[in-house]
Amino acid sequence: MRLIDENPDKAIITTKFVANERKAIIKVVYDEDGDWQFYSNDDIDEGDAVVLSVRQILEIDDTLASLELSKGQEVVRNDMNSGEWQVN
């Protein structure tokens, strides 16, 4: 599934570090249920979770639009500027 093809109002999970502090997204998970998760390199716990929409996460990082993952797949990159995602 390509992220850009999702309903723009679909809920995704990220963290307060990405949503509020605009930290670079370096890990993306497309879980078995078809839910998207976006993480920076910060240590997190449940209290750090934030729900946004696909539209909002693309406003934070428009490079995510090109992502295409299968259910259960996750990818990582070194930093936002590297552009190259590695299957994890």
N, C-alpha and C. Protein backbone atom coordinates (compact mmCIF):
# COMPACT_ATOMS: atom_id res chain seq x y z
N MET A 1 0.86 -1.19 0.00
CA MET A 1 0.00 0.00 0.00
C MET A 1 0.89 1.24 0.00
N ARG A 2 0.58 2.16 -0.87
CA ARG A 2 1.28 3.44 -0.87
C ARG A 2 0.58 4.38 0.09
N LEU A 3 1.34 5.06 0.91
CA LEU A 3 0.77 5.98 1.90
C LEU A 3 -0.08 7.04 1.21
N ILE A 4 0.36 7.54 0.09
CA ILE A 4 -0.36 8.60 -0.62
C ILE A 4 -1.73 8.12 -1.11
N ASP A 5 -1.92 6.80 -1.26
CA ASP A 5 -3.19 6.26 -1.72
C ASP A 5 -4.20 6.02 -0.59
N GLU A 6 -3.76 6.18 0.64
CA GLU A 6 -4.67 6.03 1.78
C GLU A 6 -5.65 7.19 1.83
N ASN A 7 -6.77 6.98 2.50
CA ASN A 7 -7.71 8.06 2.77
C ASN A 7 -6.95 9.14 3.55
N PRO A 8 -6.95 10.39 3.10
CA PRO A 8 -6.20 11.44 3.80
C PRO A 8 -6.64 11.66 5.24
N ASP A 9 -7.84 11.23 5.58
CA ASP A 9 -8.34 11.39 6.94
C ASP A 9 -8.11 10.15 7.82
N LYS A 10 -7.49 9.12 7.25
CA LYS A 10 -7.21 7.91 8.03
C LYS A 10 -6.28 8.25 9.19
N ALA A 11 -6.58 7.69 10.35
CA ALA A 11 -5.76 7.92 11.54
C ALA A 11 -4.46 7.15 11.44
N ILE A 12 -3.39 7.78 11.89
CA ILE A 12 -2.08 7.13 11.99
C ILE A 12 -1.56 7.39 13.41
N ILE A 13 -0.57 6.61 13.80
CA ILE A 13 0.04 6.79 15.11
C ILE A 13 1.44 7.36 14.93
N THR A 14 1.76 8.34 15.74
CA THR A 14 3.11 8.88 15.78
C THR A 14 3.40 9.25 17.23
N THR A 15 4.36 10.10 17.44
CA THR A 15 4.73 10.51 18.79
C THR A 15 4.67 12.02 18.92
N LYS A 16 4.67 12.48 20.15
CA LYS A 16 4.68 13.93 20.39
C LYS A 16 5.96 14.56 19.85
N PHE A 17 7.02 13.77 19.74
CA PHE A 17 8.28 14.30 19.22
C PHE A 17 8.17 14.64 17.74
N VAL A 18 7.45 13.80 17.01
CA VAL A 18 7.22 14.05 15.58
C VAL A 18 6.14 15.12 15.42
N ALA A 19 5.02 14.97 16.11
CA ALA A 19 3.88 15.87 15.93
C ALA A 19 4.16 17.29 16.41
N ASN A 20 4.77 17.42 17.57
CA ASN A 20 4.93 18.75 18.18
C ASN A 20 6.30 19.36 17.94
N GLU A 21 7.34 18.53 17.95
CA GLU A 21 8.70 19.04 17.82
C GLU A 21 9.26 18.89 16.41
N ARG A 22 8.48 18.22 15.53
CA ARG A 22 8.88 18.02 14.13
C ARG A 22 10.22 17.29 14.01
N LYS A 23 10.41 16.31 14.90
CA LYS A 23 11.61 15.48 14.81
C LYS A 23 11.54 14.64 13.53
N ALA A 24 12.68 14.32 12.98
CA ALA A 24 12.75 13.55 11.73
C ALA A 24 12.18 12.15 11.92
N ILE A 25 11.35 11.73 10.98
CA ILE A 25 10.80 10.38 11.00
C ILE A 25 11.83 9.45 10.39
N ILE A 26 12.28 8.48 11.20
CA ILE A 26 13.31 7.55 10.72
C ILE A 26 12.84 6.10 10.70
N LYS A 27 11.63 5.85 11.21
CA LYS A 27 11.08 4.49 11.19
C LYS A 27 9.59 4.56 10.88
N VAL A 28 9.16 3.70 9.94
CA VAL A 28 7.75 3.62 9.58
C VAL A 28 7.33 2.16 9.64
N VAL A 29 6.19 1.90 10.27
CA VAL A 29 5.64 0.56 10.39
C VAL A 29 4.26 0.57 9.73
N TYR A 30 4.02 -0.43 8.88
CA TYR A 30 2.68 -0.66 8.33
C TYR A 30 2.28 -2.02 8.87
N ASP A 31 1.53 -2.04 9.97
CA ASP A 31 1.32 -3.29 10.71
C ASP A 31 0.33 -4.23 10.03
N GLU A 32 0.18 -5.40 10.61
CA GLU A 32 -0.67 -6.46 10.04
C GLU A 32 -2.13 -6.03 9.91
N ASP A 33 -2.56 -5.05 10.72
CA ASP A 33 -3.94 -4.57 10.67
C ASP A 33 -4.13 -3.46 9.64
N GLY A 34 -3.04 -3.05 8.97
CA GLY A 34 -3.13 -1.98 7.99
C GLY A 34 -3.04 -0.59 8.59
N ASP A 35 -2.50 -0.51 9.81
CA ASP A 35 -2.31 0.77 10.49
C ASP A 35 -0.87 1.24 10.31
N TRP A 36 -0.71 2.55 10.12
CA TRP A 36 0.60 3.16 9.93
C TRP A 36 1.10 3.75 11.25
N GLN A 37 2.42 3.62 11.48
CA GLN A 37 3.07 4.19 12.67
C GLN A 37 4.35 4.87 12.21
N PHE A 38 4.62 6.05 12.77
CA PHE A 38 5.77 6.87 12.36
C PHE A 38 6.55 7.30 13.59
N TYR A 39 7.87 7.02 13.58
CA TYR A 39 8.70 7.28 14.76
C TYR A 39 9.96 8.05 14.42
N SER A 40 10.40 8.85 15.38
CA SER A 40 11.71 9.49 15.32
C SER A 40 12.68 8.58 16.09
N ASN A 41 13.87 9.07 16.37
CA ASN A 41 14.84 8.24 17.09
C ASN A 41 14.77 8.43 18.61
N ASP A 42 13.70 9.02 19.12
CA ASP A 42 13.55 9.25 20.55
C ASP A 42 13.08 7.99 21.27
N ASP A 43 13.51 7.83 22.51
CA ASP A 43 12.98 6.77 23.36
C ASP A 43 11.56 7.17 23.73
N ILE A 44 10.64 6.22 23.60
CA ILE A 44 9.23 6.56 23.83
C ILE A 44 8.56 5.57 24.77
N ASP A 45 7.43 6.00 25.32
CA ASP A 45 6.55 5.11 26.06
C ASP A 45 5.12 5.44 25.62
N GLU A 46 4.13 4.74 26.15
CA GLU A 46 2.74 4.89 25.70
C GLU A 46 2.24 6.33 25.80
N GLY A 47 2.71 7.06 26.77
CA GLY A 47 2.26 8.43 26.97
C GLY A 47 2.72 9.40 25.89
N ASP A 48 3.65 8.95 25.06
CA ASP A 48 4.17 9.80 23.99
C ASP A 48 3.38 9.67 22.69
N ALA A 49 2.41 8.75 22.65
CA ALA A 49 1.66 8.48 21.42
C ALA A 49 0.72 9.65 21.07
N VAL A 50 0.62 9.92 19.77
CA VAL A 50 -0.26 10.96 19.24
C VAL A 50 -0.95 10.39 18.01
N VAL A 51 -2.22 10.69 17.86
CA VAL A 51 -2.96 10.27 16.67
C VAL A 51 -3.09 11.48 15.75
N LEU A 52 -2.67 11.30 14.51
CA LEU A 52 -2.82 12.30 13.46
C LEU A 52 -3.51 11.64 12.27
N SER A 53 -3.70 12.39 11.22
CA SER A 53 -4.24 11.82 9.98
C SER A 53 -3.09 11.65 8.97
N VAL A 54 -3.37 10.87 7.94
CA VAL A 54 -2.39 10.72 6.86
C VAL A 54 -2.04 12.11 6.31
N ARG A 55 -3.04 12.94 6.10
CA ARG A 55 -2.80 14.30 5.60
C ARG A 55 -1.82 15.06 6.49
N GLN A 56 -2.02 14.97 7.79
CA GLN A 56 -1.16 15.71 8.72
C GLN A 56 0.28 15.19 8.72
N ILE A 57 0.46 13.86 8.63
CA ILE A 57 1.82 13.33 8.65
C ILE A 57 2.54 13.71 7.35
N LEU A 58 1.80 13.78 6.24
CA LEU A 58 2.40 14.21 4.97
C LEU A 58 2.75 15.70 4.99
N GLU A 59 2.02 16.49 5.76
CA GLU A 59 2.37 17.90 5.93
C GLU A 59 3.66 18.04 6.73
N ILE A 60 3.88 17.14 7.66
CA ILE A 60 5.12 17.15 8.45
C ILE A 60 6.30 16.70 7.62
N ASP A 61 6.10 15.65 6.82
CA ASP A 61 7.19 15.10 6.00
C ASP A 61 6.62 14.60 4.67
N ASP A 62 6.70 15.43 3.65
CA ASP A 62 6.11 15.05 2.36
C ASP A 62 6.90 13.99 1.62
N THR A 63 8.12 13.66 2.08
CA THR A 63 8.89 12.58 1.46
C THR A 63 8.25 11.22 1.72
N LEU A 64 7.35 11.16 2.70
CA LEU A 64 6.67 9.90 3.02
C LEU A 64 5.66 9.49 1.95
N ALA A 65 5.27 10.42 1.10
CA ALA A 65 4.27 10.14 0.07
C ALA A 65 4.69 8.99 -0.84
N SER A 66 5.98 8.82 -1.04
CA SER A 66 6.46 7.77 -1.95
C SER A 66 6.57 6.40 -1.30
N LEU A 67 6.33 6.31 0.00
CA LEU A 67 6.43 5.02 0.68
C LEU A 67 5.39 4.03 0.18
N GLU A 68 5.83 2.80 -0.04
CA GLU A 68 4.93 1.71 -0.40
C GLU A 68 5.36 0.48 0.39
N LEU A 69 4.50 0.05 1.30
CA LEU A 69 4.81 -1.07 2.18
C LEU A 69 3.72 -2.12 2.12
N SER A 70 4.10 -3.34 2.42
CA SER A 70 3.15 -4.44 2.58
C SER A 70 2.79 -4.55 4.05
N LYS A 71 1.62 -5.10 4.35
CA LYS A 71 1.23 -5.28 5.75
C LYS A 71 2.28 -6.09 6.47
N GLY A 72 2.62 -5.62 7.68
CA GLY A 72 3.62 -6.29 8.50
C GLY A 72 5.03 -5.83 8.23
N GLN A 73 5.21 -4.88 7.33
CA GLN A 73 6.55 -4.43 6.95
C GLN A 73 6.91 -3.15 7.70
N GLU A 74 8.19 -2.99 7.97
CA GLU A 74 8.68 -1.74 8.54
C GLU A 74 9.97 -1.35 7.84
N VAL A 75 10.19 -0.05 7.75
CA VAL A 75 11.38 0.48 7.10
C VAL A 75 12.03 1.51 8.01
N VAL A 76 13.32 1.68 7.83
CA VAL A 76 14.09 2.66 8.59
C VAL A 76 15.02 3.41 7.64
N ARG A 77 15.43 4.60 8.07
CA ARG A 77 16.44 5.37 7.35
C ARG A 77 17.31 6.06 8.37
N ASN A 78 18.50 6.46 7.96
CA ASN A 78 19.44 7.10 8.88
C ASN A 78 18.97 8.47 9.34
N ASP A 79 18.45 9.25 8.41
CA ASP A 79 17.93 10.57 8.73
C ASP A 79 16.98 11.02 7.63
N MET A 80 16.34 12.14 7.83
CA MET A 80 15.34 12.61 6.89
C MET A 80 15.92 12.93 5.52
N ASN A 81 17.18 13.30 5.47
CA ASN A 81 17.80 13.69 4.21
C ASN A 81 18.37 12.53 3.42
N SER A 82 18.48 11.37 4.04
CA SER A 82 19.09 10.23 3.33
C SER A 82 18.18 9.73 2.21
N GLY A 83 16.87 9.80 2.43
CA GLY A 83 15.94 9.42 1.39
C GLY A 83 15.84 7.94 1.12
N GLU A 84 16.80 7.16 1.55
CA GLU A 84 16.80 5.72 1.27
C GLU A 84 16.27 4.96 2.48
N TRP A 85 15.16 4.26 2.24
CA TRP A 85 14.54 3.44 3.28
C TRP A 85 15.07 2.03 3.16
N GLN A 86 15.38 1.43 4.30
CA GLN A 86 15.84 0.04 4.38
C GLN A 86 14.77 -0.79 5.07
N VAL A 87 14.43 -1.94 4.48
CA VAL A 87 13.48 -2.84 5.12
C VAL A 87 14.11 -3.38 6.38
N ASN A 88 13.38 -3.32 7.47
CA ASN A 88 13.89 -3.76 8.76
C ASN A 88 13.41 -5.15 9.11
